[in-house]
Every structure is written in structure tokens, then in C-alpha cells.
């Protein structure tokens, strides 16, 4: 064990420069050349022509975090007796970034690595709870909070078996310890010793985003798999096929924020997990 026990990593992707804002600025400038006292028709025409053409600026920059994310990250409570260090994996494809973060954390002798994605708004006590779960369940390797996909209606990102859709059969607030086969990595704590049990090659990395053509039946299609499901599928099928030792604490329910709109996605009031939570609360409140 080195000087730190927990690594905290937020893989920040590269994103395109906001061409929409650039176009708006050019339109405003063209309007000023048309409406101003000192007009310049040719310059205005040139600017308008640039607006209707495909954007030529293909430059990118690191994605910008939101104020909500920064405030939540600043409020994160570090568990008693633990020391933490930031693990940076910026500007890479997300599967590559997670592999790089794992390798750096293993090289540093860390015990745990905590992934907070740049669009996941975490509660302050998330790390207190997740570390508690793994410290008190040494045969489990992964503990996670929960959040929804950025869809309307919002779907919880929890898989209890493959090819059967996501799972709604839980009570919001419960801790799930059985049959979890797939989770996202946006709020997940990993015991780094688990990677001693998994092969790691260039062809079969720990994390990999899959988007490739496949021939199915009589036609071509595409097989798509996010890097987190690639990892959890490998872990549950290759390492712990019988027991599936992943803990999901649904009391840690994070907002999933869209950077373009600022909208936060969460479970709806009429969703089964929320309804079951309310029913439980009513039953417990009865004398």
C-alpha cells in the first residue's frame, strides 16, 4: 500500500468546439455590417456564406463540467482512515481512459478506484457508503450508486440478466447484493485487486467500447456495447460467474445531467421503484 488508498477519477472527454455559438456570433456580426451606419455589404455576404456552409472548425477541447458537478465534487466526504489522490485520464476515448486510470492506480499501489463521470451529480456521502460496503463485504469487488439513462421516460441503469432489459424490480433505497450483472461506471468504486483476476491484452482490455458491424441472419447490423457493460459482463462471466459479487446501493441515486440543456434525469414518481419506496414508507409509518 502506498501513500494513498483511494484514487478518484473523472475521465473528461474531448468535445467539438460549439459550432452553433460560432454561427450565432457570425450572424450577429453580419447583421451589424448590414444595419450599422458604416455598412459593408460584401463583408456581410461573406459572413452569411460561412454560416450556411458546413463548419470548417474541427477543433476540440476538454468537456466543460457544470457548476452542479463541481459543487457536488467539492462536497465529497472522504471515509475515515482513507487518503485519496486524483487520477487523471483526460482527453481519451472513455474505454481507453478507464483502462489508463486502472493501470495508474495499480502502479500507485491503491486499494480502490472511484469513478465519477463528468455528467453524474453525486451525493456528498457516496464514498462513505461505497467504501463501507466493500470494507464489510470483502468477497465483493464492486460497489455502485445508481442513476438513469438520459431518456424520457428515464430508465434505471441496472441489469439483473442480459437481453431482458433493465431492471425496475427494486425498492428505491434498498441495497442490492444479488444477481447484478451490469452497471454503469459513473458512480462506482472498484477494488483494484479484482484486476489480478482478469486477463488484460490489447485485444481484450478491461474496458472496451464496442461499435462494429455484425452479420445476423441474412443482413448486416451493428453490435454496440458501452465500455462499462463490456467490463461488468467480463467480470461476472469470467471471474465470478456463480455469485456475481456486485453491490448496488440505490439510496445513492445520482442525477444524470445533460451538458447541452442542463436537464437532470432521474426516476419518475410513477416508476415502480419510487412507488415501492412510498409504500414501504407508509407501512413503516403505521402505528
C-alpha atoms as a PDB file:
ATOM      1  CA  UNK A   1       0.000   0.000   0.000  1.00  0.00           C
ATOM      2  CA  UNK A   2       1.381   3.396  -0.957  1.00  0.00           C
ATOM      3  CA  UNK A   3       0.747   6.865   0.458  1.00  0.00           C
ATOM      4  CA  UNK A   4      -2.874   6.836  -0.734  1.00  0.00           C
ATOM      5  CA  UNK A   5      -5.644   4.259  -0.580  1.00  0.00           C
ATOM      6  CA  UNK A   6      -8.341   5.668  -2.893  1.00  0.00           C
ATOM      7  CA  UNK A   7      -7.961   7.093  -6.371  1.00  0.00           C
ATOM      8  CA  UNK A   8     -10.720   9.358  -7.683  1.00  0.00           C
ATOM      9  CA  UNK A   9     -11.027   9.628 -11.452  1.00  0.00           C
ATOM     10  CA  UNK A  10     -13.289  11.619 -13.742  1.00  0.00           C
ATOM     11  CA  UNK A  11     -12.495  10.790 -17.380  1.00  0.00           C
ATOM     12  CA  UNK A  12     -13.076  14.061 -19.239  1.00  0.00           C
ATOM     13  CA  UNK A  13     -13.649  13.529 -22.975  1.00  0.00           C
ATOM     14  CA  UNK A  14     -12.675  15.757 -25.840  1.00  0.00           C
ATOM     15  CA  UNK A  15     -15.702  17.506 -27.353  1.00  0.00           C
ATOM     16  CA  UNK A  16     -16.077  19.610 -30.527  1.00  0.00           C
ATOM     17  CA  UNK A  17     -15.987  23.364 -30.308  1.00  0.00           C
ATOM     18  CA  UNK A  18     -19.567  24.670 -30.151  1.00  0.00           C
ATOM     19  CA  UNK A  19     -20.099  25.500 -33.833  1.00  0.00           C
ATOM     20  CA  UNK A  20     -23.642  26.682 -33.075  1.00  0.00           C
ATOM     21  CA  UNK A  21     -22.351  29.512 -30.920  1.00  0.00           C
ATOM     22  CA  UNK A  22     -19.791  30.409 -33.584  1.00  0.00           C
ATOM     23  CA  UNK A  23     -22.559  30.629 -36.213  1.00  0.00           C
ATOM     24  CA  UNK A  24     -24.651  32.874 -33.941  1.00  0.00           C
ATOM     25  CA  UNK A  25     -21.692  35.180 -33.437  1.00  0.00           C
ATOM     26  CA  UNK A  26     -21.131  35.400 -37.198  1.00  0.00           C
ATOM     27  CA  UNK A  27     -24.815  36.150 -37.814  1.00  0.00           C
ATOM     28  CA  UNK A  28     -24.725  38.929 -35.240  1.00  0.00           C
ATOM     29  CA  UNK A  29     -21.610  40.353 -36.858  1.00  0.00           C
ATOM     30  CA  UNK A  30     -23.163  40.161 -40.341  1.00  0.00           C
ATOM     31  CA  UNK A  31     -26.237  41.970 -39.027  1.00  0.00           C
ATOM     32  CA  UNK A  32     -24.032  44.714 -37.610  1.00  0.00           C
ATOM     33  CA  UNK A  33     -22.439  45.224 -41.042  1.00  0.00           C
ATOM     34  CA  UNK A  34     -25.900  45.470 -42.625  1.00  0.00           C
ATOM     35  CA  UNK A  35     -27.531  47.672 -40.007  1.00  0.00           C
ATOM     36  CA  UNK A  36     -24.653  49.844 -38.917  1.00  0.00           C
ATOM     37  CA  UNK A  37     -24.139  53.395 -40.011  1.00  0.00           C
ATOM     38  CA  UNK A  38     -20.969  52.282 -41.775  1.00  0.00           C
ATOM     39  CA  UNK A  39     -22.251  49.253 -43.697  1.00  0.00           C
ATOM     40  CA  UNK A  40     -20.142  46.731 -45.542  1.00  0.00           C
ATOM     41  CA  UNK A  41     -22.310  44.585 -47.785  1.00  0.00           C
ATOM     42  CA  UNK A  42     -19.504  42.374 -49.095  1.00  0.00           C
ATOM     43  CA  UNK A  43     -18.283  41.504 -45.592  1.00  0.00           C
ATOM     44  CA  UNK A  44     -21.843  40.745 -44.512  1.00  0.00           C
ATOM     45  CA  UNK A  45     -22.311  38.446 -47.541  1.00  0.00           C
ATOM     46  CA  UNK A  46     -19.075  36.643 -46.745  1.00  0.00           C
ATOM     47  CA  UNK A  47     -20.094  36.059 -43.134  1.00  0.00           C
ATOM     48  CA  UNK A  48     -23.542  34.795 -44.154  1.00  0.00           C
ATOM     49  CA  UNK A  49     -21.958  32.417 -46.672  1.00  0.00           C
ATOM     50  CA  UNK A  50     -19.787  30.966 -43.904  1.00  0.00           C
ATOM     51  CA  UNK A  51     -22.905  30.430 -41.780  1.00  0.00           C
ATOM     52  CA  UNK A  52     -24.624  28.225 -44.361  1.00  0.00           C
ATOM     53  CA  UNK A  53     -21.540  26.172 -45.152  1.00  0.00           C
ATOM     54  CA  UNK A  54     -20.556  23.088 -43.161  1.00  0.00           C
ATOM     55  CA  UNK A  55     -18.458  24.121 -40.152  1.00  0.00           C
ATOM     56  CA  UNK A  56     -14.776  24.113 -41.026  1.00  0.00           C
ATOM     57  CA  UNK A  57     -13.575  24.283 -37.438  1.00  0.00           C
ATOM     58  CA  UNK A  58     -12.988  20.704 -36.297  1.00  0.00           C
ATOM     59  CA  UNK A  59     -11.009  21.661 -33.216  1.00  0.00           C
ATOM     60  CA  UNK A  60     -11.892  20.128 -29.863  1.00  0.00           C
ATOM     61  CA  UNK A  61     -11.441  20.900 -26.206  1.00  0.00           C
ATOM     62  CA  UNK A  62     -11.872  19.065 -22.910  1.00  0.00           C
ATOM     63  CA  UNK A  63     -15.526  18.851 -21.944  1.00  0.00           C
ATOM     64  CA  UNK A  64     -16.698  21.539 -19.532  1.00  0.00           C
ATOM     65  CA  UNK A  65     -18.093  20.448 -16.188  1.00  0.00           C
ATOM     66  CA  UNK A  66     -21.211  22.085 -14.774  1.00  0.00           C
ATOM     67  CA  UNK A  67     -21.417  24.171 -11.577  1.00  0.00           C
ATOM     68  CA  UNK A  68     -23.671  21.454 -10.098  1.00  0.00           C
ATOM     69  CA  UNK A  69     -20.994  18.819 -10.727  1.00  0.00           C
ATOM     70  CA  UNK A  70     -18.220  20.957  -9.240  1.00  0.00           C
ATOM     71  CA  UNK A  71     -20.213  21.722  -6.093  1.00  0.00           C
ATOM     72  CA  UNK A  72     -21.049  18.049  -5.611  1.00  0.00           C
ATOM     73  CA  UNK A  73     -17.424  17.012  -6.130  1.00  0.00           C
ATOM     74  CA  UNK A  74     -16.171  19.639  -3.674  1.00  0.00           C
ATOM     75  CA  UNK A  75     -18.640  18.377  -1.057  1.00  0.00           C
ATOM     76  CA  UNK A  76     -17.486  14.741  -1.341  1.00  0.00           C
ATOM     77  CA  UNK A  77     -16.684  13.295   2.099  1.00  0.00           C
ATOM     78  CA  UNK A  78     -13.610  11.053   2.299  1.00  0.00           C
ATOM     79  CA  UNK A  79     -14.109   7.999   4.568  1.00  0.00           C
ATOM     80  CA  UNK A  80     -12.337   7.822   7.925  1.00  0.00           C
ATOM     81  CA  UNK A  81      -8.798   6.476   7.784  1.00  0.00           C
ATOM     82  CA  UNK A  82      -8.594   6.741   3.989  1.00  0.00           C
ATOM     83  CA  UNK A  83      -6.402   9.032   1.918  1.00  0.00           C
ATOM     84  CA  UNK A  84      -7.180   9.957  -1.664  1.00  0.00           C
ATOM     85  CA  UNK A  85      -5.457  11.147  -4.806  1.00  0.00           C
ATOM     86  CA  UNK A  86      -6.796  12.402  -8.123  1.00  0.00           C
ATOM     87  CA  UNK A  87      -6.173  10.077 -11.059  1.00  0.00           C
ATOM     88  CA  UNK A  88      -6.328  11.934 -14.372  1.00  0.00           C
ATOM     89  CA  UNK A  89      -7.418  10.320 -17.641  1.00  0.00           C
ATOM     90  CA  UNK A  90      -8.329  13.315 -19.772  1.00  0.00           C
ATOM     91  CA  UNK A  91      -8.996  13.586 -23.478  1.00  0.00           C
ATOM     92  CA  UNK A  92      -9.185   9.852 -24.232  1.00  0.00           C
ATOM     93  CA  UNK A  93     -11.945   7.629 -25.519  1.00  0.00           C
ATOM     94  CA  UNK A  94     -13.781   6.521 -22.392  1.00  0.00           C
ATOM     95  CA  UNK A  95     -12.815   2.837 -22.540  1.00  0.00           C
ATOM     96  CA  UNK A  96      -9.166   3.738 -23.051  1.00  0.00           C
ATOM     97  CA  UNK A  97      -9.400   6.322 -20.266  1.00  0.00           C
ATOM     98  CA  UNK A  98     -10.755   3.822 -17.748  1.00  0.00           C
ATOM     99  CA  UNK A  99      -8.025   1.299 -18.607  1.00  0.00           C
ATOM    100  CA  UNK A 100      -5.372   4.008 -18.191  1.00  0.00           C
ATOM    101  CA  UNK A 101      -6.823   5.044 -14.831  1.00  0.00           C
ATOM    102  CA  UNK A 102      -6.852   1.433 -13.608  1.00  0.00           C
ATOM    103  CA  UNK A 103      -3.236   0.917 -14.637  1.00  0.00           C
ATOM    104  CA  UNK A 104      -2.081   4.156 -12.998  1.00  0.00           C
ATOM    105  CA  UNK A 105      -3.940   3.274  -9.793  1.00  0.00           C
ATOM    106  CA  UNK A 106      -2.452  -0.216  -9.668  1.00  0.00           C
ATOM    107  CA  UNK A 107       1.025   1.197 -10.276  1.00  0.00           C
ATOM    108  CA  UNK A 108       0.493   3.600  -7.354  1.00  0.00           C
ATOM    109  CA  UNK A 109      -0.459   0.750  -5.032  1.00  0.00           C
ATOM    110  CA  UNK A 110      -4.001   1.992  -4.391  1.00  0.00           C
ATOM    111  CA  UNK A 111      -6.681  -0.200  -2.833  1.00  0.00           C
ATOM    112  CA  UNK A 112      -9.701   1.374  -4.517  1.00  0.00           C
ATOM    113  CA  UNK A 113     -10.528   3.460  -7.566  1.00  0.00           C
ATOM    114  CA  UNK A 114     -13.683   5.581  -7.584  1.00  0.00           C
ATOM    115  CA  UNK A 115     -15.078   6.679 -10.938  1.00  0.00           C
ATOM    116  CA  UNK A 116     -17.233   9.832 -11.002  1.00  0.00           C
ATOM    117  CA  UNK A 117     -18.282  10.651 -14.526  1.00  0.00           C
ATOM    118  CA  UNK A 118     -18.380  14.289 -15.602  1.00  0.00           C
ATOM    119  CA  UNK A 119     -22.175  14.219 -16.032  1.00  0.00           C
ATOM    120  CA  UNK A 120     -23.044  12.423 -12.764  1.00  0.00           C
ATOM    121  CA  UNK A 121     -24.096  14.588  -9.811  1.00  0.00           C
ATOM    122  CA  UNK A 122     -23.152  12.613  -6.697  1.00  0.00           C
ATOM    123  CA  UNK A 123     -24.371  12.967  -3.078  1.00  0.00           C
ATOM    124  CA  UNK A 124     -21.776  14.015  -0.513  1.00  0.00           C
ATOM    125  CA  UNK A 125     -21.822  10.706   1.380  1.00  0.00           C
ATOM    126  CA  UNK A 126     -21.450   8.432  -1.658  1.00  0.00           C
ATOM    127  CA  UNK A 127     -17.865   7.402  -0.951  1.00  0.00           C
ATOM    128  CA  UNK A 128     -18.599   6.854   2.751  1.00  0.00           C
ATOM    129  CA  UNK A 129     -21.316   4.368   1.794  1.00  0.00           C
ATOM    130  CA  UNK A 130     -19.462   2.586  -1.016  1.00  0.00           C
ATOM    131  CA  UNK A 131     -16.254   2.110   0.968  1.00  0.00           C
ATOM    132  CA  UNK A 132     -18.331   0.830   3.895  1.00  0.00           C
ATOM    133  CA  UNK A 133     -19.937  -1.784   1.629  1.00  0.00           C
ATOM    134  CA  UNK A 134     -16.623  -3.115   0.326  1.00  0.00           C
ATOM    135  CA  UNK A 135     -14.823  -2.968   3.669  1.00  0.00           C
ATOM    136  CA  UNK A 136     -17.604  -5.003   5.269  1.00  0.00           C
ATOM    137  CA  UNK A 137     -18.084  -7.378   2.330  1.00  0.00           C
ATOM    138  CA  UNK A 138     -14.538  -8.456   1.440  1.00  0.00           C
ATOM    139  CA  UNK A 139     -15.754 -11.049  -1.081  1.00  0.00           C
ATOM    140  CA  UNK A 140     -17.340  -8.289  -3.192  1.00  0.00           C
ATOM    141  CA  UNK A 141     -15.195  -6.302  -5.610  1.00  0.00           C
ATOM    142  CA  UNK A 142     -17.551  -3.592  -6.926  1.00  0.00           C
ATOM    143  CA  UNK A 143     -19.959  -1.209  -5.192  1.00  0.00           C
ATOM    144  CA  UNK A 144     -22.006   1.317  -7.104  1.00  0.00           C
ATOM    145  CA  UNK A 145     -24.592   4.011  -6.760  1.00  0.00           C
ATOM    146  CA  UNK A 146     -27.348   4.340  -9.322  1.00  0.00           C
ATOM    147  CA  UNK A 147     -28.596   6.753 -11.954  1.00  0.00           C
ATOM    148  CA  UNK A 148     -30.836   6.788 -15.004  1.00  0.00           C
ATOM    149  CA  UNK A 149     -30.241   6.966 -18.711  1.00  0.00           C
ATOM    150  CA  UNK A 150     -30.803  10.379 -20.287  1.00  0.00           C
ATOM    151  CA  UNK A 151     -34.165   9.383 -21.712  1.00  0.00           C
ATOM    152  CA  UNK A 152     -37.824  10.299 -21.257  1.00  0.00           C
ATOM    153  CA  UNK A 153     -39.120   8.305 -19.505  1.00  0.00           C
ATOM    154  CA  UNK A 154     -35.939   7.698 -17.519  1.00  0.00           C
ATOM    155  CA  UNK A 155     -34.714   4.102 -17.252  1.00  0.00           C
ATOM    156  CA  UNK A 156     -32.571   2.989 -14.275  1.00  0.00           C
ATOM    157  CA  UNK A 157     -29.212   1.656 -15.418  1.00  0.00           C
ATOM    158  CA  UNK A 158     -29.289  -1.707 -13.682  1.00  0.00           C
ATOM    159  CA  UNK A 159     -29.075  -5.112 -15.352  1.00  0.00           C
ATOM    160  CA  UNK A 160     -30.019  -8.311 -13.464  1.00  0.00           C
ATOM    161  CA  UNK A 161     -29.748 -10.548 -16.522  1.00  0.00           C
ATOM    162  CA  UNK A 162     -28.680 -10.000 -20.111  1.00  0.00           C
ATOM    163  CA  UNK A 163     -31.059  -9.371 -23.018  1.00  0.00           C
ATOM    164  CA  UNK A 164     -34.056  -8.837 -20.735  1.00  0.00           C
ATOM    165  CA  UNK A 165     -33.938  -5.055 -20.466  1.00  0.00           C
ATOM    166  CA  UNK A 166     -33.002  -3.014 -17.430  1.00  0.00           C
ATOM    167  CA  UNK A 167     -34.417  -3.887 -14.006  1.00  0.00           C
ATOM    168  CA  UNK A 168     -37.237  -1.947 -12.323  1.00  0.00           C
ATOM    169  CA  UNK A 169     -37.909  -4.598  -9.677  1.00  0.00           C
ATOM    170  CA  UNK A 170     -36.348  -2.912  -6.683  1.00  0.00           C
ATOM    171  CA  UNK A 171     -37.368  -0.557  -3.919  1.00  0.00           C
ATOM    172  CA  UNK A 172     -35.622   2.792  -4.130  1.00  0.00           C
ATOM    173  CA  UNK A 173     -33.286   2.968  -1.144  1.00  0.00           C
ATOM    174  CA  UNK A 174     -32.501  -0.739  -0.857  1.00  0.00           C
ATOM    175  CA  UNK A 175     -29.054  -2.290  -1.189  1.00  0.00           C
ATOM    176  CA  UNK A 176     -28.948  -4.933  -3.924  1.00  0.00           C
ATOM    177  CA  UNK A 177     -26.412  -7.733  -3.438  1.00  0.00           C
ATOM    178  CA  UNK A 178     -27.695 -10.477  -5.726  1.00  0.00           C
ATOM    179  CA  UNK A 179     -27.824 -11.151  -9.452  1.00  0.00           C
ATOM    180  CA  UNK A 180     -26.343  -7.868 -10.626  1.00  0.00           C
ATOM    181  CA  UNK A 181     -24.663  -8.408 -13.989  1.00  0.00           C
ATOM    182  CA  UNK A 182     -24.395  -4.876 -15.369  1.00  0.00           C
ATOM    183  CA  UNK A 183     -23.979  -1.341 -14.029  1.00  0.00           C
ATOM    184  CA  UNK A 184     -22.638   1.955 -15.381  1.00  0.00           C
ATOM    185  CA  UNK A 185     -19.303   3.299 -14.149  1.00  0.00           C
ATOM    186  CA  UNK A 186     -20.378   6.894 -13.485  1.00  0.00           C
ATOM    187  CA  UNK A 187     -20.581   6.330  -9.721  1.00  0.00           C
ATOM    188  CA  UNK A 188     -18.671   3.133  -8.996  1.00  0.00           C
ATOM    189  CA  UNK A 189     -15.997   2.015  -6.522  1.00  0.00           C
ATOM    190  CA  UNK A 190     -13.691  -0.783  -7.674  1.00  0.00           C
ATOM    191  CA  UNK A 191     -11.439  -2.929  -5.504  1.00  0.00           C
ATOM    192  CA  UNK A 192      -8.282  -2.881  -7.577  1.00  0.00           C
ATOM    193  CA  UNK A 193      -7.272  -6.418  -6.643  1.00  0.00           C
ATOM    194  CA  UNK A 194     -10.123  -7.643  -8.869  1.00  0.00           C
ATOM    195  CA  UNK A 195      -7.971  -6.846 -11.899  1.00  0.00           C
ATOM    196  CA  UNK A 196      -5.497  -9.509 -10.797  1.00  0.00           C
ATOM    197  CA  UNK A 197      -8.241 -11.976 -11.733  1.00  0.00           C
ATOM    198  CA  UNK A 198      -8.873 -10.598 -15.234  1.00  0.00           C
ATOM    199  CA  UNK A 199      -6.740 -11.026 -18.309  1.00  0.00           C
ATOM    200  CA  UNK A 200      -5.709  -7.782 -19.958  1.00  0.00           C
ATOM    201  CA  UNK A 201      -4.413  -7.596 -23.528  1.00  0.00           C
ATOM    202  CA  UNK A 202      -4.632  -5.071 -26.329  1.00  0.00           C
ATOM    203  CA  UNK A 203      -7.321  -7.200 -27.974  1.00  0.00           C
ATOM    204  CA  UNK A 204      -9.192  -7.923 -24.716  1.00  0.00           C
ATOM    205  CA  UNK A 205      -8.782  -4.876 -22.441  1.00  0.00           C
ATOM    206  CA  UNK A 206     -10.526  -4.348 -19.110  1.00  0.00           C
ATOM    207  CA  UNK A 207     -12.803  -1.721 -20.684  1.00  0.00           C
ATOM    208  CA  UNK A 208     -13.745  -1.501 -24.332  1.00  0.00           C
ATOM    209  CA  UNK A 209     -16.398   0.376 -26.286  1.00  0.00           C
ATOM    210  CA  UNK A 210     -17.811  -1.884 -28.994  1.00  0.00           C
ATOM    211  CA  UNK A 211     -19.399  -0.478 -32.141  1.00  0.00           C
ATOM    212  CA  UNK A 212     -18.839  -2.823 -35.041  1.00  0.00           C
ATOM    213  CA  UNK A 213     -20.712  -4.391 -37.953  1.00  0.00           C
ATOM    214  CA  UNK A 214     -22.031  -7.928 -37.470  1.00  0.00           C
ATOM    215  CA  UNK A 215     -23.816 -10.329 -39.797  1.00  0.00           C
ATOM    216  CA  UNK A 216     -27.067 -11.558 -38.264  1.00  0.00           C
ATOM    217  CA  UNK A 217     -29.326 -13.936 -40.167  1.00  0.00           C
ATOM    218  CA  UNK A 218     -29.498 -12.570 -43.689  1.00  0.00           C
ATOM    219  CA  UNK A 219     -28.389  -8.982 -43.168  1.00  0.00           C
ATOM    220  CA  UNK A 220     -25.751  -6.798 -41.620  1.00  0.00           C
ATOM    221  CA  UNK A 221     -26.336  -4.900 -38.418  1.00  0.00           C
ATOM    222  CA  UNK A 222     -24.258  -3.301 -35.683  1.00  0.00           C
ATOM    223  CA  UNK A 223     -23.225  -4.600 -32.293  1.00  0.00           C
ATOM    224  CA  UNK A 224     -22.949  -1.790 -29.737  1.00  0.00           C
ATOM    225  CA  UNK A 225     -21.788  -2.211 -26.152  1.00  0.00           C
ATOM    226  CA  UNK A 226     -20.640   0.538 -23.802  1.00  0.00           C
ATOM    227  CA  UNK A 227     -17.327   0.139 -22.025  1.00  0.00           C
ATOM    228  CA  UNK A 228     -18.907  -0.314 -18.590  1.00  0.00           C
ATOM    229  CA  UNK A 229     -21.123  -3.195 -19.708  1.00  0.00           C
ATOM    230  CA  UNK A 230     -18.161  -4.764 -21.507  1.00  0.00           C
ATOM    231  CA  UNK A 231     -16.300  -4.702 -18.190  1.00  0.00           C
ATOM    232  CA  UNK A 232     -19.118  -5.925 -15.938  1.00  0.00           C
ATOM    233  CA  UNK A 233     -20.037  -8.663 -18.401  1.00  0.00           C
ATOM    234  CA  UNK A 234     -16.434  -9.862 -18.456  1.00  0.00           C
ATOM    235  CA  UNK A 235     -16.242  -9.694 -14.665  1.00  0.00           C
ATOM    236  CA  UNK A 236     -19.483 -11.570 -13.970  1.00  0.00           C
ATOM    237  CA  UNK A 237     -18.907 -14.225 -16.636  1.00  0.00           C
ATOM    238  CA  UNK A 238     -15.155 -14.797 -16.357  1.00  0.00           C
ATOM    239  CA  UNK A 239     -14.337 -14.021 -12.735  1.00  0.00           C
ATOM    240  CA  UNK A 240     -17.441 -14.516 -10.629  1.00  0.00           C
ATOM    241  CA  UNK A 241     -19.983 -16.292 -12.807  1.00  0.00           C
ATOM    242  CA  UNK A 242     -21.656 -18.117  -9.924  1.00  0.00           C
ATOM    243  CA  UNK A 243     -22.074 -15.345  -7.358  1.00  0.00           C
ATOM    244  CA  UNK A 244     -21.947 -12.043  -9.305  1.00  0.00           C
ATOM    245  CA  UNK A 245     -20.476 -10.030  -6.434  1.00  0.00           C
ATOM    246  CA  UNK A 246     -21.567  -6.503  -7.331  1.00  0.00           C
ATOM    247  CA  UNK A 247     -23.317  -4.299  -4.745  1.00  0.00           C
ATOM    248  CA  UNK A 248     -25.688  -1.554  -5.872  1.00  0.00           C
ATOM    249  CA  UNK A 249     -26.815   0.901  -3.201  1.00  0.00           C
ATOM    250  CA  UNK A 250     -29.958   2.534  -4.557  1.00  0.00           C
ATOM    251  CA  UNK A 251     -30.023   5.059  -1.723  1.00  0.00           C
ATOM    252  CA  UNK A 252     -27.164   6.667  -3.675  1.00  0.00           C
ATOM    253  CA  UNK A 253     -29.271   7.971  -6.537  1.00  0.00           C
ATOM    254  CA  UNK A 254     -27.381  10.466  -8.681  1.00  0.00           C
ATOM    255  CA  UNK A 255     -28.744  12.995 -11.128  1.00  0.00           C
ATOM    256  CA  UNK A 256     -27.562  12.436 -14.687  1.00  0.00           C
ATOM    257  CA  UNK A 257     -27.105  15.877 -16.213  1.00  0.00           C
ATOM    258  CA  UNK A 258     -27.132  16.823 -19.900  1.00  0.00           C
ATOM    259  CA  UNK A 259     -24.374  19.319 -20.708  1.00  0.00           C
ATOM    260  CA  UNK A 260     -26.260  20.799 -23.645  1.00  0.00           C
ATOM    261  CA  UNK A 261     -29.565  21.505 -21.889  1.00  0.00           C
ATOM    262  CA  UNK A 262     -28.781  21.348 -18.165  1.00  0.00           C
ATOM    263  CA  UNK A 263     -31.639  18.882 -17.732  1.00  0.00           C
ATOM    264  CA  UNK A 264     -31.265  16.348 -14.906  1.00  0.00           C
ATOM    265  CA  UNK A 265     -32.601  12.846 -15.434  1.00  0.00           C
ATOM    266  CA  UNK A 266     -33.976  10.828 -12.530  1.00  0.00           C
ATOM    267  CA  UNK A 267     -36.652   8.256 -11.724  1.00  0.00           C
ATOM    268  CA  UNK A 268     -40.221   9.424 -12.263  1.00  0.00           C
ATOM    269  CA  UNK A 269     -42.736   9.476  -9.424  1.00  0.00           C
ATOM    270  CA  UNK A 270     -44.822   6.797 -11.159  1.00  0.00           C
ATOM    271  CA  UNK A 271     -41.873   4.410 -11.634  1.00  0.00           C
ATOM    272  CA  UNK A 272     -42.072   1.094  -9.785  1.00  0.00           C
ATOM    273  CA  UNK A 273     -39.012   1.670  -7.548  1.00  0.00           C
ATOM    274  CA  UNK A 274     -40.402   5.024  -6.329  1.00  0.00           C
ATOM    275  CA  UNK A 275     -43.890   3.599  -5.790  1.00  0.00           C
ATOM    276  CA  UNK A 276     -42.476   0.672  -3.807  1.00  0.00           C
ATOM    277  CA  UNK A 277     -40.420   3.086  -1.684  1.00  0.00           C
ATOM    278  CA  UNK A 278     -43.520   5.141  -0.860  1.00  0.00           C
ATOM    279  CA  UNK A 279     -45.489   2.007   0.007  1.00  0.00           C
ATOM    280  CA  UNK A 280     -42.712   0.915   2.340  1.00  0.00           C
ATOM    281  CA  UNK A 281     -42.607   4.323   3.996  1.00  0.00           C
ATOM    282  CA  UNK A 282     -46.400   4.250   4.567  1.00  0.00           C
ATOM    283  CA  UNK A 283     -46.211   0.757   6.064  1.00  0.00           C
ATOM    284  CA  UNK A 284     -43.389   1.760   8.406  1.00  0.00           C
ATOM    285  CA  UNK A 285     -45.283   4.897   9.498  1.00  0.00           C
ATOM    286  CA  UNK A 286     -48.319   2.927  10.671  1.00  0.00           C
ATOM    287  CA  UNK A 287     -48.510   2.511  14.490  1.00  0.00           C
END
